[in-house]
Amino acid sequence: MLDKKFENAKRILLTTVMTALCWALPGCQSITPTTTYADIRFIDASPDAPGLDIYQGNTAVVYNMGFTTVTTYVPISPGSYRFTAYTANTKQSQVSTTGSVSNGNQYTVLISNVAASLQETIFLDQSRPAPSGQIDIRVINEATSTSGTPFDLYMIPSGTPLANAKLLATSAFNTIGNYISVATGSYYVLLVPTGTVLTSTTVATYTGTLKAYTSGSAHTVIIVDPPNTVTTPGAQVIITDDYEPPGAVAAQ
């Protein structure tokens, strides 16, 4: 009987230690828990904030996170939490927010805006498959250098003339859109100022590379500032994998 209790205690301790280690590593893969959890990830979309350490209460969960970093999801027990971003390797608080997470759901903690007006937002991500034969896409605009101009975002299949491209979403600065279903396939992302009429000679604000998306998957396109600048208008995008069907390969 004592041996059995000892083995149970070892298993509980091992699970606790593994979870703590996973929280400490940006990009750490989720652990299969023995109880029900939510999942949470962290994204840095601020172009000029310093490296950030993210704390859940008094516990560090991400170290020295930088611009365009997207961690993978890690498990967290359901409940209410305060997440604080400190300048890396200090306890100088940059921004903090409180939010609740519930069983079986996925969440993002997004750090955004310029350092002088830093924001932290917690929001729900899709954790279920898109309809059969489709993918779900959501757009978030955090490009500070073009904050006065919303973007039209297109997801264009290979070989499609620009004049025939169909608008996916219009996204104003600092807004989180809803998921939109589109046919499964390979697409490149194109951004232009809202209202731009596409022609064969259109010069886009941003044109991405072709990516293949798995049927049933869900993704977020986050519009952010171009690399290494805050003052020059422009944009780039981060495409996250919010949901991938079991056994699927992430977007390439």
C-alpha atoms as a PDB file:
ATOM      1  CA  MET A   1       0.000   0.000   0.000  1.00  0.00           C
ATOM      2  CA  LEU A   2       2.799   2.413   0.859  1.00  0.00           C
ATOM      3  CA  ASP A   3       4.538   1.628  -2.439  1.00  0.00           C
ATOM      4  CA  LYS A   4       1.339   2.415  -4.355  1.00  0.00           C
ATOM      5  CA  LYS A   5       0.900   5.753  -2.546  1.00  0.00           C
ATOM      6  CA  PHE A   6       4.538   6.562  -3.242  1.00  0.00           C
ATOM      7  CA  GLU A   7       4.136   5.878  -6.966  1.00  0.00           C
ATOM      8  CA  ASN A   8       1.000   8.066  -7.113  1.00  0.00           C
ATOM      9  CA  ALA A   9       2.855  10.880  -5.361  1.00  0.00           C
ATOM     10  CA  LYS A  10       5.718  10.606  -7.851  1.00  0.00           C
ATOM     11  CA  ARG A  11       3.334  10.842 -10.802  1.00  0.00           C
ATOM     12  CA  ILE A  12       1.653  13.955  -9.386  1.00  0.00           C
ATOM     13  CA  LEU A  13       5.018  15.600  -8.717  1.00  0.00           C
ATOM     14  CA  LEU A  14       6.291  14.777 -12.223  1.00  0.00           C
ATOM     15  CA  THR A  15       3.186  16.278 -13.869  1.00  0.00           C
ATOM     16  CA  THR A  16       3.538  19.462 -11.786  1.00  0.00           C
ATOM     17  CA  VAL A  17       7.226  19.869 -12.651  1.00  0.00           C
ATOM     18  CA  MET A  18       6.664  19.249 -16.379  1.00  0.00           C
ATOM     19  CA  THR A  19       3.863  21.825 -16.520  1.00  0.00           C
ATOM     20  CA  ALA A  20       6.021  24.422 -14.720  1.00  0.00           C
ATOM     21  CA  LEU A  21       8.901  23.804 -17.146  1.00  0.00           C
ATOM     22  CA  CYS A  22       6.607  24.142 -20.157  1.00  0.00           C
ATOM     23  CA  TRP A  23       5.288  27.513 -18.917  1.00  0.00           C
ATOM     24  CA  ALA A  24       8.866  28.801 -18.750  1.00  0.00           C
ATOM     25  CA  LEU A  25       9.609  28.115 -22.429  1.00  0.00           C
ATOM     26  CA  PRO A  26       8.242  30.279 -25.252  1.00  0.00           C
ATOM     27  CA  GLY A  27       7.063  28.005 -28.013  1.00  0.00           C
ATOM     28  CA  CYS A  28       6.802  25.023 -25.673  1.00  0.00           C
ATOM     29  CA  GLN A  29       4.439  22.279 -26.834  1.00  0.00           C
ATOM     30  CA  SER A  30       1.323  21.553 -24.815  1.00  0.00           C
ATOM     31  CA  ILE A  31       1.324  18.690 -22.315  1.00  0.00           C
ATOM     32  CA  THR A  32      -1.523  16.184 -22.309  1.00  0.00           C
ATOM     33  CA  PRO A  33      -3.061  16.899 -18.889  1.00  0.00           C
ATOM     34  CA  THR A  34      -4.684  14.485 -16.488  1.00  0.00           C
ATOM     35  CA  THR A  35      -7.470  16.992 -15.780  1.00  0.00           C
ATOM     36  CA  THR A  36      -9.337  19.520 -17.914  1.00  0.00           C
ATOM     37  CA  TYR A  37      -7.451  22.652 -18.951  1.00  0.00           C
ATOM     38  CA  ALA A  38      -7.750  25.711 -21.110  1.00  0.00           C
ATOM     39  CA  ASP A  39      -4.884  26.570 -23.497  1.00  0.00           C
ATOM     40  CA  ILE A  40      -3.212  29.941 -23.787  1.00  0.00           C
ATOM     41  CA  ARG A  41      -0.535  31.530 -25.963  1.00  0.00           C
ATOM     42  CA  PHE A  42       1.241  34.902 -26.073  1.00  0.00           C
ATOM     43  CA  ILE A  43       1.887  37.205 -29.047  1.00  0.00           C
ATOM     44  CA  ASP A  44       4.031  40.351 -29.191  1.00  0.00           C
ATOM     45  CA  ALA A  45       2.761  42.771 -31.858  1.00  0.00           C
ATOM     46  CA  SER A  46       4.372  45.944 -30.440  1.00  0.00           C
ATOM     47  CA  PRO A  47       7.051  47.246 -32.843  1.00  0.00           C
ATOM     48  CA  ASP A  48       9.131  49.159 -30.293  1.00  0.00           C
ATOM     49  CA  ALA A  49       8.481  47.605 -26.879  1.00  0.00           C
ATOM     50  CA  PRO A  50      11.552  46.171 -25.136  1.00  0.00           C
ATOM     51  CA  GLY A  51      12.000  42.444 -24.679  1.00  0.00           C
ATOM     52  CA  LEU A  52       9.264  41.313 -22.323  1.00  0.00           C
ATOM     53  CA  ASP A  53       8.966  38.777 -19.520  1.00  0.00           C
ATOM     54  CA  ILE A  54       5.332  37.708 -19.062  1.00  0.00           C
ATOM     55  CA  TYR A  55       4.116  36.740 -15.608  1.00  0.00           C
ATOM     56  CA  GLN A  56       0.975  34.895 -14.579  1.00  0.00           C
ATOM     57  CA  GLY A  57       0.502  36.394 -11.139  1.00  0.00           C
ATOM     58  CA  ASN A  58       3.940  35.972  -9.557  1.00  0.00           C
ATOM     59  CA  THR A  59       5.078  33.197 -11.895  1.00  0.00           C
ATOM     60  CA  ALA A  60       7.126  33.873 -15.038  1.00  0.00           C
ATOM     61  CA  VAL A  61       5.668  32.061 -18.047  1.00  0.00           C
ATOM     62  CA  VAL A  62       7.565  33.616 -21.002  1.00  0.00           C
ATOM     63  CA  TYR A  63      11.040  35.153 -21.030  1.00  0.00           C
ATOM     64  CA  ASN A  64      12.361  37.968 -23.233  1.00  0.00           C
ATOM     65  CA  MET A  65       9.528  37.911 -25.765  1.00  0.00           C
ATOM     66  CA  GLY A  66      10.177  40.153 -28.775  1.00  0.00           C
ATOM     67  CA  PHE A  67       8.282  41.685 -31.690  1.00  0.00           C
ATOM     68  CA  THR A  68       6.348  39.130 -33.829  1.00  0.00           C
ATOM     69  CA  THR A  69       6.922  36.305 -31.320  1.00  0.00           C
ATOM     70  CA  VAL A  70       4.050  33.795 -31.208  1.00  0.00           C
ATOM     71  CA  THR A  71       4.324  31.091 -28.552  1.00  0.00           C
ATOM     72  CA  THR A  72       2.551  27.774 -28.933  1.00  0.00           C
ATOM     73  CA  TYR A  73      -0.404  27.017 -26.693  1.00  0.00           C
ATOM     74  CA  VAL A  74       0.318  25.794 -23.169  1.00  0.00           C
ATOM     75  CA  PRO A  75      -2.190  24.369 -20.676  1.00  0.00           C
ATOM     76  CA  ILE A  76      -3.608  26.422 -17.822  1.00  0.00           C
ATOM     77  CA  SER A  77      -6.156  25.539 -15.180  1.00  0.00           C
ATOM     78  CA  PRO A  78      -9.519  27.306 -15.562  1.00  0.00           C
ATOM     79  CA  GLY A  79      -9.854  30.489 -13.518  1.00  0.00           C
ATOM     80  CA  SER A  80      -9.107  34.210 -13.407  1.00  0.00           C
ATOM     81  CA  TYR A  81      -5.540  35.406 -13.907  1.00  0.00           C
ATOM     82  CA  ARG A  82      -3.529  38.616 -14.018  1.00  0.00           C
ATOM     83  CA  PHE A  83      -0.911  38.690 -16.772  1.00  0.00           C
ATOM     84  CA  THR A  84       1.808  41.326 -16.492  1.00  0.00           C
ATOM     85  CA  ALA A  85       4.473  42.225 -19.053  1.00  0.00           C
ATOM     86  CA  TYR A  86       7.746  43.387 -17.495  1.00  0.00           C
ATOM     87  CA  THR A  87      10.843  44.685 -19.232  1.00  0.00           C
ATOM     88  CA  ALA A  88      12.977  41.566 -19.655  1.00  0.00           C
ATOM     89  CA  ASN A  89      15.184  40.676 -16.679  1.00  0.00           C
ATOM     90  CA  THR A  90      13.587  43.377 -14.497  1.00  0.00           C
ATOM     91  CA  LYS A  91      10.391  43.897 -12.523  1.00  0.00           C
ATOM     92  CA  GLN A  92       9.603  47.114 -14.409  1.00  0.00           C
ATOM     93  CA  SER A  93       5.945  46.682 -15.338  1.00  0.00           C
ATOM     94  CA  GLN A  94       4.975  47.725 -18.866  1.00  0.00           C
ATOM     95  CA  VAL A  95       1.334  46.625 -19.004  1.00  0.00           C
ATOM     96  CA  SER A  96      -1.028  44.309 -17.156  1.00  0.00           C
ATOM     97  CA  THR A  97      -4.516  42.885 -17.550  1.00  0.00           C
ATOM     98  CA  THR A  98      -6.826  40.360 -15.898  1.00  0.00           C
ATOM     99  CA  GLY A  99      -8.991  37.775 -17.616  1.00  0.00           C
ATOM    100  CA  SER A 100     -10.733  34.457 -17.094  1.00  0.00           C
ATOM    101  CA  VAL A 101     -10.217  31.194 -18.988  1.00  0.00           C
ATOM    102  CA  SER A 102     -12.557  28.213 -19.056  1.00  0.00           C
ATOM    103  CA  ASN A 103     -12.365  24.463 -19.677  1.00  0.00           C
ATOM    104  CA  GLY A 104     -11.593  23.322 -23.213  1.00  0.00           C
ATOM    105  CA  ASN A 105     -11.110  26.789 -24.731  1.00  0.00           C
ATOM    106  CA  GLN A 106      -8.078  28.447 -26.316  1.00  0.00           C
ATOM    107  CA  TYR A 107      -6.977  32.024 -25.644  1.00  0.00           C
ATOM    108  CA  THR A 108      -4.428  34.571 -26.825  1.00  0.00           C
ATOM    109  CA  VAL A 109      -2.761  37.254 -24.716  1.00  0.00           C
ATOM    110  CA  LEU A 110      -1.804  39.949 -27.242  1.00  0.00           C
ATOM    111  CA  ILE A 111       0.727  42.714 -26.521  1.00  0.00           C
ATOM    112  CA  SER A 112       0.189  45.532 -29.016  1.00  0.00           C
ATOM    113  CA  ASN A 113       0.529  49.228 -29.881  1.00  0.00           C
ATOM    114  CA  VAL A 114       3.665  51.341 -29.452  1.00  0.00           C
ATOM    115  CA  ALA A 115       5.601  51.202 -26.182  1.00  0.00           C
ATOM    116  CA  ALA A 116       4.274  54.580 -25.031  1.00  0.00           C
ATOM    117  CA  SER A 117       0.678  53.284 -25.304  1.00  0.00           C
ATOM    118  CA  LEU A 118       1.240  49.575 -24.760  1.00  0.00           C
ATOM    119  CA  GLN A 119      -1.892  47.408 -24.615  1.00  0.00           C
ATOM    120  CA  GLU A 120      -2.540  43.867 -23.428  1.00  0.00           C
ATOM    121  CA  THR A 121      -5.678  42.026 -24.551  1.00  0.00           C
ATOM    122  CA  ILE A 122      -6.981  38.532 -23.753  1.00  0.00           C
ATOM    123  CA  PHE A 123      -9.381  37.010 -26.268  1.00  0.00           C
ATOM    124  CA  LEU A 124     -10.868  33.688 -27.303  1.00  0.00           C
ATOM    125  CA  ASP A 125      -9.460  31.667 -30.215  1.00  0.00           C
ATOM    126  CA  GLN A 126     -11.175  29.020 -32.310  1.00  0.00           C
ATOM    127  CA  SER A 127     -10.617  25.507 -30.948  1.00  0.00           C
ATOM    128  CA  ARG A 128     -12.908  23.543 -33.278  1.00  0.00           C
ATOM    129  CA  PRO A 129     -12.602  22.564 -36.941  1.00  0.00           C
ATOM    130  CA  ALA A 130     -13.773  24.774 -39.783  1.00  0.00           C
ATOM    131  CA  PRO A 131     -16.675  23.436 -41.880  1.00  0.00           C
ATOM    132  CA  SER A 132     -15.847  20.512 -44.163  1.00  0.00           C
ATOM    133  CA  GLY A 133     -13.815  21.575 -47.185  1.00  0.00           C
ATOM    134  CA  GLN A 134     -13.115  25.012 -45.727  1.00  0.00           C
ATOM    135  CA  ILE A 135     -10.667  26.931 -43.545  1.00  0.00           C
ATOM    136  CA  ASP A 136     -11.503  29.704 -41.082  1.00  0.00           C
ATOM    137  CA  ILE A 137      -9.556  32.981 -41.189  1.00  0.00           C
ATOM    138  CA  ARG A 138      -9.657  35.907 -38.754  1.00  0.00           C
ATOM    139  CA  VAL A 139      -7.954  39.293 -39.241  1.00  0.00           C
ATOM    140  CA  ILE A 140      -6.455  41.501 -36.511  1.00  0.00           C
ATOM    141  CA  ASN A 141      -4.943  44.889 -37.413  1.00  0.00           C
ATOM    142  CA  GLU A 142      -2.147  46.120 -35.131  1.00  0.00           C
ATOM    143  CA  ALA A 143      -0.075  48.104 -37.659  1.00  0.00           C
ATOM    144  CA  THR A 144       0.638  51.321 -35.734  1.00  0.00           C
ATOM    145  CA  SER A 145       2.365  53.265 -38.527  1.00  0.00           C
ATOM    146  CA  THR A 146      -0.790  53.122 -40.671  1.00  0.00           C
ATOM    147  CA  SER A 147      -3.336  53.470 -37.849  1.00  0.00           C
ATOM    148  CA  GLY A 148      -5.288  56.131 -39.724  1.00  0.00           C
ATOM    149  CA  THR A 149      -5.827  53.902 -42.772  1.00  0.00           C
ATOM    150  CA  PRO A 150      -7.728  50.604 -42.614  1.00  0.00           C
ATOM    151  CA  PHE A 151      -6.660  47.746 -44.860  1.00  0.00           C
ATOM    152  CA  ASP A 152      -8.498  45.554 -47.326  1.00  0.00           C
ATOM    153  CA  LEU A 153      -7.165  42.023 -47.022  1.00  0.00           C
ATOM    154  CA  TYR A 154      -7.325  39.516 -49.858  1.00  0.00           C
ATOM    155  CA  MET A 155      -6.416  35.823 -49.807  1.00  0.00           C
ATOM    156  CA  ILE A 156      -5.645  35.081 -53.432  1.00  0.00           C
ATOM    157  CA  PRO A 157      -5.276  31.616 -54.999  1.00  0.00           C
ATOM    158  CA  SER A 158      -2.208  31.050 -57.169  1.00  0.00           C
ATOM    159  CA  GLY A 159      -2.761  32.187 -60.763  1.00  0.00           C
ATOM    160  CA  THR A 160      -5.759  34.411 -59.999  1.00  0.00           C
ATOM    161  CA  PRO A 161      -5.513  37.842 -61.706  1.00  0.00           C
ATOM    162  CA  LEU A 162      -5.663  40.713 -59.214  1.00  0.00           C
ATOM    163  CA  ALA A 163      -8.715  42.140 -60.934  1.00  0.00           C
ATOM    164  CA  ASN A 164     -10.573  38.897 -60.154  1.00  0.00           C
ATOM    165  CA  ALA A 165      -9.513  38.661 -56.501  1.00  0.00           C
ATOM    166  CA  LYS A 166     -12.278  38.614 -53.887  1.00  0.00           C
ATOM    167  CA  LEU A 167     -12.083  40.782 -50.777  1.00  0.00           C
ATOM    168  CA  LEU A 168     -11.891  38.744 -47.564  1.00  0.00           C
ATOM    169  CA  ALA A 169     -12.085  41.490 -44.912  1.00  0.00           C
ATOM    170  CA  THR A 170     -11.651  45.176 -44.195  1.00  0.00           C
ATOM    171  CA  SER A 171      -9.727  45.751 -40.971  1.00  0.00           C
ATOM    172  CA  ALA A 172      -9.346  49.016 -39.064  1.00  0.00           C
ATOM    173  CA  PHE A 173      -6.497  49.598 -36.615  1.00  0.00           C
ATOM    174  CA  ASN A 174      -6.738  47.872 -33.242  1.00  0.00           C
ATOM    175  CA  THR A 175      -9.678  45.654 -34.180  1.00  0.00           C
ATOM    176  CA  ILE A 176     -10.166  41.895 -33.834  1.00  0.00           C
ATOM    177  CA  GLY A 177     -12.331  40.443 -36.579  1.00  0.00           C
ATOM    178  CA  ASN A 178     -14.538  37.373 -36.611  1.00  0.00           C
ATOM    179  CA  TYR A 179     -13.555  34.106 -38.263  1.00  0.00           C
ATOM    180  CA  ILE A 180     -14.564  33.868 -41.935  1.00  0.00           C
ATOM    181  CA  SER A 181     -14.826  30.564 -43.825  1.00  0.00           C
ATOM    182  CA  VAL A 182     -13.148  30.194 -47.235  1.00  0.00           C
ATOM    183  CA  ALA A 183     -12.521  27.183 -49.447  1.00  0.00           C
ATOM    184  CA  THR A 184      -9.546  24.997 -48.580  1.00  0.00           C
ATOM    185  CA  GLY A 185      -6.549  25.711 -50.793  1.00  0.00           C
ATOM    186  CA  SER A 186      -3.270  27.563 -51.250  1.00  0.00           C
ATOM    187  CA  TYR A 187      -3.330  31.353 -50.938  1.00  0.00           C
ATOM    188  CA  TYR A 188      -1.123  34.386 -50.638  1.00  0.00           C
ATOM    189  CA  VAL A 189      -2.164  37.383 -48.533  1.00  0.00           C
ATOM    190  CA  LEU A 190      -2.364  40.808 -50.129  1.00  0.00           C
ATOM    191  CA  LEU A 191      -2.972  44.111 -48.293  1.00  0.00           C
ATOM    192  CA  VAL A 192      -4.017  47.413 -49.829  1.00  0.00           C
ATOM    193  CA  PRO A 193      -5.498  50.597 -48.309  1.00  0.00           C
ATOM    194  CA  THR A 194      -9.263  50.244 -47.993  1.00  0.00           C
ATOM    195  CA  GLY A 195     -11.113  51.172 -51.173  1.00  0.00           C
ATOM    196  CA  THR A 196      -8.221  50.399 -53.527  1.00  0.00           C
ATOM    197  CA  VAL A 197      -9.480  48.961 -56.821  1.00  0.00           C
ATOM    198  CA  LEU A 198      -7.250  46.048 -57.798  1.00  0.00           C
ATOM    199  CA  THR A 199      -5.799  46.065 -61.306  1.00  0.00           C
ATOM    200  CA  SER A 200      -2.852  44.313 -62.932  1.00  0.00           C
ATOM    201  CA  THR A 201      -0.637  47.287 -61.976  1.00  0.00           C
ATOM    202  CA  THR A 202      -1.730  47.686 -58.335  1.00  0.00           C
ATOM    203  CA  VAL A 203       1.191  48.084 -55.923  1.00  0.00           C
ATOM    204  CA  ALA A 204       0.165  46.376 -52.683  1.00  0.00           C
ATOM    205  CA  THR A 205       1.195  47.497 -49.211  1.00  0.00           C
ATOM    206  CA  TYR A 206       2.059  43.873 -48.529  1.00  0.00           C
ATOM    207  CA  THR A 207       2.178  40.701 -50.612  1.00  0.00           C
ATOM    208  CA  GLY A 208       2.886  37.398 -48.881  1.00  0.00           C
ATOM    209  CA  THR A 209       4.159  34.067 -50.127  1.00  0.00           C
ATOM    210  CA  LEU A 210       1.895  31.226 -51.187  1.00  0.00           C
ATOM    211  CA  LYS A 211       0.782  28.982 -48.303  1.00  0.00           C
ATOM    212  CA  ALA A 212      -1.194  25.752 -48.321  1.00  0.00           C
ATOM    213  CA  TYR A 213      -3.916  25.419 -45.677  1.00  0.00           C
ATOM    214  CA  THR A 214      -5.328  22.156 -44.335  1.00  0.00           C
ATOM    215  CA  SER A 215      -9.055  21.518 -44.629  1.00  0.00           C
ATOM    216  CA  GLY A 216     -10.744  22.189 -41.297  1.00  0.00           C
ATOM    217  CA  SER A 217      -7.966  24.407 -39.950  1.00  0.00           C
ATOM    218  CA  ALA A 218      -8.332  27.884 -38.408  1.00  0.00           C
ATOM    219  CA  HIS A 219      -5.827  30.746 -38.567  1.00  0.00           C
ATOM    220  CA  THR A 220      -5.396  34.390 -37.597  1.00  0.00           C
ATOM    221  CA  VAL A 221      -3.778  36.961 -39.885  1.00  0.00           C
ATOM    222  CA  ILE A 222      -2.262  39.674 -37.677  1.00  0.00           C
ATOM    223  CA  ILE A 223      -1.292  42.872 -39.509  1.00  0.00           C
ATOM    224  CA  VAL A 224       1.734  44.507 -37.865  1.00  0.00           C
ATOM    225  CA  ASP A 225       4.352  47.131 -38.685  1.00  0.00           C
ATOM    226  CA  PRO A 226       7.134  46.322 -41.145  1.00  0.00           C
ATOM    227  CA  PRO A 227      10.376  45.087 -39.562  1.00  0.00           C
ATOM    228  CA  ASN A 228      12.715  47.541 -37.834  1.00  0.00           C
ATOM    229  CA  THR A 229      10.507  50.607 -38.185  1.00  0.00           C
ATOM    230  CA  VAL A 230       7.712  52.445 -36.459  1.00  0.00           C
ATOM    231  CA  THR A 231       7.606  55.709 -38.397  1.00  0.00           C
ATOM    232  CA  THR A 232       7.620  54.433 -42.007  1.00  0.00           C
ATOM    233  CA  PRO A 233       4.106  53.456 -43.121  1.00  0.00           C
ATOM    234  CA  GLY A 234       3.759  49.881 -44.234  1.00  0.00           C
ATOM    235  CA  ALA A 235       2.819  46.458 -42.957  1.00  0.00           C
ATOM    236  CA  GLN A 236       3.702  42.813 -42.708  1.00  0.00           C
ATOM    237  CA  VAL A 237       1.605  39.925 -41.450  1.00  0.00           C
ATOM    238  CA  ILE A 238       1.909  37.103 -38.939  1.00  0.00           C
ATOM    239  CA  ILE A 239      -0.215  34.049 -39.708  1.00  0.00           C
ATOM    240  CA  THR A 240      -0.946  31.891 -36.677  1.00  0.00           C
ATOM    241  CA  ASP A 241      -2.205  28.314 -36.467  1.00  0.00           C
ATOM    242  CA  ASP A 242      -5.221  28.474 -34.161  1.00  0.00           C
ATOM    243  CA  TYR A 243      -6.611  25.012 -34.903  1.00  0.00           C
ATOM    244  CA  GLU A 244      -5.213  22.114 -36.922  1.00  0.00           C
ATOM    245  CA  PRO A 245      -7.141  18.857 -37.352  1.00  0.00           C
ATOM    246  CA  PRO A 246      -5.510  15.875 -35.592  1.00  0.00           C
ATOM    247  CA  GLY A 247      -2.600  14.570 -37.653  1.00  0.00           C
ATOM    248  CA  ALA A 248      -2.561  17.600 -39.959  1.00  0.00           C
ATOM    249  CA  VAL A 249       0.559  19.546 -40.902  1.00  0.00           C
ATOM    250  CA  ALA A 250       0.520  23.284 -40.132  1.00  0.00           C
ATOM    251  CA  ALA A 251       0.246  25.793 -42.989  1.00  0.00           C
ATOM    252  CA  GLN A 252       3.375  25.819 -45.169  1.00  0.00           C
END
